[in-house]
C-alpha atoms as a PDB file:
ATOM      1  CA  MET A   1     -26.716  51.398 -64.699  1.00  0.00           C
ATOM      2  CA  THR A   2     -29.448  53.535 -63.182  1.00  0.00           C
ATOM      3  CA  ILE A   3     -32.662  54.302 -65.041  1.00  0.00           C
ATOM      4  CA  LYS A   4     -31.613  57.942 -65.399  1.00  0.00           C
ATOM      5  CA  GLU A   5     -28.277  56.923 -66.939  1.00  0.00           C
ATOM      6  CA  TYR A   6     -30.084  54.480 -69.214  1.00  0.00           C
ATOM      7  CA  LEU A   7     -32.544  57.143 -70.385  1.00  0.00           C
ATOM      8  CA  ASN A   8     -29.603  59.405 -71.218  1.00  0.00           C
ATOM      9  CA  LYS A   9     -27.913  56.566 -73.129  1.00  0.00           C
ATOM     10  CA  ILE A  10     -31.094  55.875 -75.095  1.00  0.00           C
ATOM     11  CA  GLU A  11     -31.413  59.553 -76.007  1.00  0.00           C
ATOM     12  CA  SER A  12     -27.757  59.879 -76.967  1.00  0.00           C
ATOM     13  CA  LEU A  13     -27.855  56.789 -79.176  1.00  0.00           C
ATOM     14  CA  LYS A  14     -30.340  58.560 -81.437  1.00  0.00           C
ATOM     15  CA  SER A  15     -27.670  61.102 -82.363  1.00  0.00           C
ATOM     16  CA  GLU A  16     -24.878  58.513 -82.657  1.00  0.00           C
ATOM     17  CA  LYS A  17     -26.496  57.012 -85.781  1.00  0.00           C
ATOM     18  CA  ASN A  18     -26.232  53.471 -84.411  1.00  0.00           C
ATOM     19  CA  THR A  19     -22.455  53.188 -84.259  1.00  0.00           C
ATOM     20  CA  ILE A  20     -22.851  50.217 -81.916  1.00  0.00           C
ATOM     21  CA  VAL A  21     -23.652  47.014 -83.778  1.00  0.00           C
ATOM     22  CA  TYR A  22     -25.392  44.176 -82.002  1.00  0.00           C
ATOM     23  CA  SER A  23     -23.286  41.014 -82.103  1.00  0.00           C
ATOM     24  CA  ASP A  24     -26.213  38.869 -83.281  1.00  0.00           C
ATOM     25  CA  ASN A  25     -27.670  41.383 -85.699  1.00  0.00           C
ATOM     26  CA  ALA A  26     -29.451  38.695 -87.736  1.00  0.00           C
ATOM     27  CA  ASP A  27     -31.594  37.753 -84.723  1.00  0.00           C
ATOM     28  CA  LEU A  28     -32.443  41.401 -84.072  1.00  0.00           C
ATOM     29  CA  GLU A  29     -33.394  42.026 -87.696  1.00  0.00           C
ATOM     30  CA  PHE A  30     -35.459  38.818 -87.803  1.00  0.00           C
ATOM     31  CA  CYS A  31     -37.458  40.070 -84.799  1.00  0.00           C
ATOM     32  CA  MET A  32     -37.848  43.470 -86.459  1.00  0.00           C
ATOM     33  CA  GLN A  33     -39.230  41.965 -89.653  1.00  0.00           C
ATOM     34  CA  LYS A  34     -41.739  39.854 -87.701  1.00  0.00           C
ATOM     35  CA  ILE A  35     -42.857  42.922 -85.758  1.00  0.00           C
ATOM     36  CA  LYS A  36     -43.209  44.962 -88.910  1.00  0.00           C
ATOM     37  CA  GLN A  37     -45.206  42.208 -90.664  1.00  0.00           C
ATOM     38  CA  ASN A  38     -47.507  41.558 -87.726  1.00  0.00           C
ATOM     39  CA  SER A  39     -48.041  45.073 -86.483  1.00  0.00           C
ATOM     40  CA  GLU A  40     -50.899  47.415 -87.101  1.00  0.00           C
ATOM     41  CA  GLU A  41     -48.300  50.187 -87.277  1.00  0.00           C
ATOM     42  CA  LEU A  42     -48.855  51.469 -83.769  1.00  0.00           C
ATOM     43  CA  PHE A  43     -45.627  53.326 -83.153  1.00  0.00           C
ATOM     44  CA  PHE A  44     -44.021  56.230 -81.338  1.00  0.00           C
ATOM     45  CA  THR A  45     -40.858  58.288 -81.513  1.00  0.00           C
ATOM     46  CA  LEU A  46     -38.369  58.838 -78.725  1.00  0.00           C
ATOM     47  CA  ASP A  47     -39.273  62.511 -78.584  1.00  0.00           C
ATOM     48  CA  ILE A  48     -42.876  61.570 -77.795  1.00  0.00           C
ATOM     49  CA  PHE A  49     -41.896  58.990 -75.167  1.00  0.00           C
ATOM     50  CA  LEU A  50     -39.082  60.913 -73.451  1.00  0.00           C
ATOM     51  CA  LYS A  51     -39.773  64.562 -72.775  1.00  0.00           C
ATOM     52  CA  LYS A  52     -37.011  66.643 -71.250  1.00  0.00           C
ATOM     53  CA  ARG A  53     -38.294  69.029 -68.631  1.00  0.00           C
ATOM     54  CA  ASN A  54     -34.772  70.340 -68.060  1.00  0.00           C
ATOM     55  CA  SER A  55     -31.247  68.924 -68.251  1.00  0.00           C
ATOM     56  CA  GLU A  56     -31.843  66.924 -65.065  1.00  0.00           C
ATOM     57  CA  THR A  57     -35.411  65.675 -65.509  1.00  0.00           C
ATOM     58  CA  THR A  58     -36.926  63.410 -68.146  1.00  0.00           C
ATOM     59  CA  ILE A  59     -40.673  62.807 -68.162  1.00  0.00           C
ATOM     60  CA  LEU A  60     -42.001  59.508 -69.519  1.00  0.00           C
ATOM     61  CA  ASN A  61     -45.174  59.468 -71.573  1.00  0.00           C
ATOM     62  CA  TYR A  62     -47.407  57.048 -69.662  1.00  0.00           C
ATOM     63  CA  GLU A  63     -49.848  56.896 -72.566  1.00  0.00           C
ATOM     64  CA  ILE A  64     -47.186  54.971 -74.495  1.00  0.00           C
ATOM     65  CA  ILE A  65     -46.727  52.598 -71.549  1.00  0.00           C
ATOM     66  CA  LYS A  66     -50.515  52.086 -71.475  1.00  0.00           C
ATOM     67  CA  LEU A  67     -50.436  51.217 -75.193  1.00  0.00           C
ATOM     68  CA  PHE A  68     -47.836  48.528 -74.450  1.00  0.00           C
ATOM     69  CA  GLU A  69     -50.008  47.175 -71.633  1.00  0.00           C
ATOM     70  CA  ASN A  70     -53.041  46.983 -73.897  1.00  0.00           C
ATOM     71  CA  LYS A  71     -51.261  45.495 -76.931  1.00  0.00           C
ATOM     72  CA  LEU A  72     -49.290  42.913 -74.927  1.00  0.00           C
ATOM     73  CA  GLY A  73     -51.946  42.078 -72.358  1.00  0.00           C
ATOM     74  CA  LEU A  74     -49.350  42.568 -69.613  1.00  0.00           C
ATOM     75  CA  LEU A  75     -49.494  44.721 -66.516  1.00  0.00           C
ATOM     76  CA  PHE A  76     -46.936  47.506 -66.094  1.00  0.00           C
ATOM     77  CA  LEU A  77     -45.309  47.417 -62.649  1.00  0.00           C
ATOM     78  CA  GLU A  78     -44.101  50.877 -61.811  1.00  0.00           C
ATOM     79  CA  GLU A  79     -42.429  49.949 -58.550  1.00  0.00           C
ATOM     80  CA  GLU A  80     -40.810  46.851 -57.225  1.00  0.00           C
ATOM     81  CA  SER A  81     -42.651  45.899 -54.074  1.00  0.00           C
ATOM     82  CA  GLY A  82     -40.915  42.625 -53.479  1.00  0.00           C
ATOM     83  CA  ASN A  83     -41.694  39.395 -55.242  1.00  0.00           C
ATOM     84  CA  VAL A  84     -45.079  38.673 -53.720  1.00  0.00           C
ATOM     85  CA  CYS A  85     -46.177  36.605 -56.695  1.00  0.00           C
ATOM     86  CA  PHE A  86     -43.732  34.227 -58.362  1.00  0.00           C
ATOM     87  CA  ALA A  87     -45.550  34.748 -61.680  1.00  0.00           C
ATOM     88  CA  ASN A  88     -43.870  38.154 -61.991  1.00  0.00           C
ATOM     89  CA  SER A  89     -40.380  36.856 -61.211  1.00  0.00           C
ATOM     90  CA  ASP A  90     -37.567  37.289 -63.746  1.00  0.00           C
ATOM     91  CA  GLU A  91     -36.930  33.567 -63.346  1.00  0.00           C
ATOM     92  CA  VAL A  92     -40.279  32.664 -64.919  1.00  0.00           C
ATOM     93  CA  ARG A  93     -40.194  31.893 -68.621  1.00  0.00           C
ATOM     94  CA  GLU A  94     -41.329  34.829 -70.758  1.00  0.00           C
ATOM     95  CA  GLU A  95     -44.506  33.176 -71.999  1.00  0.00           C
ATOM     96  CA  TYR A  96     -45.769  32.917 -68.411  1.00  0.00           C
ATOM     97  CA  ARG A  97     -44.928  36.422 -67.265  1.00  0.00           C
ATOM     98  CA  GLN A  98     -47.870  38.632 -66.453  1.00  0.00           C
ATOM     99  CA  SER A  99     -46.141  41.986 -66.157  1.00  0.00           C
ATOM    100  CA  PHE A 100     -43.249  44.122 -67.308  1.00  0.00           C
ATOM    101  CA  LYS A 101     -41.138  46.784 -65.631  1.00  0.00           C
ATOM    102  CA  LEU A 102     -39.730  50.071 -66.852  1.00  0.00           C
ATOM    103  CA  MET A 103     -36.301  48.496 -67.393  1.00  0.00           C
ATOM    104  CA  ASP A 104     -37.926  45.868 -69.653  1.00  0.00           C
ATOM    105  CA  LEU A 105     -39.553  48.586 -71.741  1.00  0.00           C
ATOM    106  CA  LEU A 106     -36.293  50.547 -71.946  1.00  0.00           C
ATOM    107  CA  ASP A 107     -34.446  47.387 -73.041  1.00  0.00           C
ATOM    108  CA  TYR A 108     -37.076  46.877 -75.774  1.00  0.00           C
ATOM    109  CA  ILE A 109     -36.564  50.467 -76.948  1.00  0.00           C
ATOM    110  CA  TYR A 110     -32.771  50.161 -76.772  1.00  0.00           C
ATOM    111  CA  ALA A 111     -32.823  47.015 -78.920  1.00  0.00           C
ATOM    112  CA  PHE A 112     -35.193  48.717 -81.354  1.00  0.00           C
ATOM    113  CA  GLU A 113     -32.774  51.635 -81.682  1.00  0.00           C
ATOM    114  CA  HIS A 114     -30.137  49.244 -83.011  1.00  0.00           C
ATOM    115  CA  SER A 115     -32.351  47.988 -85.833  1.00  0.00           C
ATOM    116  CA  SER A 116     -32.448  49.017 -89.477  1.00  0.00           C
ATOM    117  CA  ILE A 117     -36.153  49.890 -89.100  1.00  0.00           C
ATOM    118  CA  PHE A 118     -35.337  52.521 -86.485  1.00  0.00           C
ATOM    119  CA  THR A 119     -32.380  53.826 -88.486  1.00  0.00           C
ATOM    120  CA  VAL A 120     -34.649  54.494 -91.459  1.00  0.00           C
ATOM    121  CA  SER A 121     -37.847  55.635 -89.754  1.00  0.00           C
ATOM    122  CA  GLN A 122     -36.809  56.800 -86.252  1.00  0.00           C
ATOM    123  CA  LYS A 123     -39.981  55.041 -85.053  1.00  0.00           C
ATOM    124  CA  ILE A 124     -40.450  52.331 -82.450  1.00  0.00           C
ATOM    125  CA  ILE A 125     -43.248  49.911 -83.302  1.00  0.00           C
ATOM    126  CA  ILE A 126     -45.375  48.550 -80.472  1.00  0.00           C
ATOM    127  CA  THR A 127     -45.688  44.801 -80.873  1.00  0.00           C
ATOM    128  CA  SER A 128     -48.668  42.782 -79.722  1.00  0.00           C
ATOM    129  CA  GLU A 129     -46.651  39.561 -79.543  1.00  0.00           C
ATOM    130  CA  THR A 130     -45.250  38.939 -76.089  1.00  0.00           C
ATOM    131  CA  GLU A 131     -42.679  36.475 -77.454  1.00  0.00           C
ATOM    132  CA  LEU A 132     -41.156  39.188 -79.680  1.00  0.00           C
ATOM    133  CA  PHE A 133     -41.362  41.738 -76.879  1.00  0.00           C
ATOM    134  CA  TRP A 134     -39.375  39.489 -74.518  1.00  0.00           C
ATOM    135  CA  LYS A 135     -36.838  38.605 -77.239  1.00  0.00           C
ATOM    136  CA  LEU A 136     -36.159  42.299 -77.782  1.00  0.00           C
ATOM    137  CA  VAL A 137     -35.998  42.887 -74.036  1.00  0.00           C
ATOM    138  CA  LYS A 138     -33.319  40.198 -73.854  1.00  0.00           C
ATOM    139  CA  ILE A 139     -31.400  41.702 -76.790  1.00  0.00           C
ATOM    140  CA  GLY A 140     -31.650  45.200 -75.300  1.00  0.00           C
ATOM    141  CA  SER A 141     -30.505  43.937 -71.918  1.00  0.00           C
ATOM    142  CA  GLY A 142     -27.509  42.277 -73.556  1.00  0.00           C
ATOM    143  CA  LEU A 143     -26.642  45.500 -75.359  1.00  0.00           C
ATOM    144  CA  ARG A 144     -27.008  47.499 -72.163  1.00  0.00           C
ATOM    145  CA  GLU A 145     -24.675  45.125 -70.310  1.00  0.00           C
ATOM    146  CA  GLU A 146     -22.229  44.984 -73.206  1.00  0.00           C
ATOM    147  CA  TYR A 147     -21.894  48.761 -73.593  1.00  0.00           C
ATOM    148  CA  LYS A 148     -22.015  50.169 -70.070  1.00  0.00           C
END
């Protein structure tokens, strides 16, 4: 799935009212509760993060990405330039990763969209806990693969 297709899927899910249920919903909701308890309520909505310029172009709000960088203490890698440093490899355990990519952030958002918190508030909370971030990235990635 390309990033453009994924962005469209994320936007369309908002109007589907979460008809797709994550197979391990208890794990997702556990992560959501921990995020909600530990957060300082820094959040955003999809409309703020994804701005449609026209039917073909979606603009990302880089201020939101910067907030993730600051809260998580991770570097955002906009482009893949090869794996120069093994520390940024997908094979490294989450607690040792030093950066995240756009697909990671989109997986986090996609997982969040499947939660009861999002269903009620339509808000995506920015976590400061890298462990929870990577758990949601993994859940979102699984959902993306499951529902291509």
